[in-house]
Amino acid sequence: MKHLTLFIVLVCLISSFKHKELTWIAIGDSITYLNEHPDETGNRVTKGYMTRVAEKLPYIHYSNQGHNGWTSGGIAKEIEKLGLVKADIYSVFLGTNDWWAGRPLGHFSDYQNNTGNETVYGSFRIIINKLRSLNPDAQIMLITPMQRVDFVYLFNQNNNAFGSYKPKNGQYLEAFANAIDSIGRYEHVQVVDLYHARGLELKKLVKYKRLKDPKTGVYTNYRYPTFVDLPFNPDTDEYPYPTKAADKTYDGLHPSDKGNDLISRRVVKIMKKY
């Protein structure tokens, strides 16, 4: 009888420590979208960052609101059509497509004054307003864009873009990351700063880019920054990132398994406090 009583007490204690189930809606671009579409990475990615978070924190149940190629402006424009619902946690992982699209970052006053969807600051205000309206008590996490080297799409080499080592439309990607951080501090919400994260520096995104030597025509593995501005012909050249070239990304932009693991560990560090 004494042992039975002790067993019941232990079961009750364990049950009392069981974490409340939480819902998480992850809003983002292709980096978030690909979590559910590893085939679109050529199966170079086995698990995205959201799956990895849910494995570490199984009481958190996520919904994927990643939209391939979308900017914060696209999300803000369609915010009422996305089917967003009340959740305990919202994450917003956007910015890299805004930079590449040349969208104006704007000024912090655009966020403060809710000036509309013409600037990135304004777009984020629309998004966060919507999340607050769905659940004023929700936890909101902002995730800054990562740095990026030269992107080449695995299935269409004509879809390519230079990296964040130089400006696009007169703007550096770092300014977008800093803007998102400033919004987070203003709103008193958590920010996962991937742009400045250790392990996601430009030199660690790919091991090399495989290009023809301009003088000899022989394929050569060039490390960053040596490959910057070396010629690449998407119509005739081999794909420049063979599987062995992957490091934190597999194509210069999208996280590899190593990259997704790094992201997930930073997200878990915050979410386990919720």
Foldseek 3Di string as FASTA:
>chain_A
DVVVVVVVVVVVVVVVPDDAAFEEEEAEEVLLVCQVPCVQVVVLADHFLVVVLCVVVVSYHYDGNYHYLDALLRCLVCVVPSPDAATQEYEYEHQPSCQQVLQAQDDCVCLVVLVDSRHNSNSVNSNVVVNCVRPVNHAYEYEAFAWFAWFARPVARVPIDGTQPDGDNPDGSVVRLVSSVVVCVVVVHHYHRNHPDPQRDQQQAWVFWWAQDPVPRDTDTHGPPVCPPDDDDRVPDDHGFDSNGGGQPRGRGHGGNNVSVVVNVSVSVPVVVD
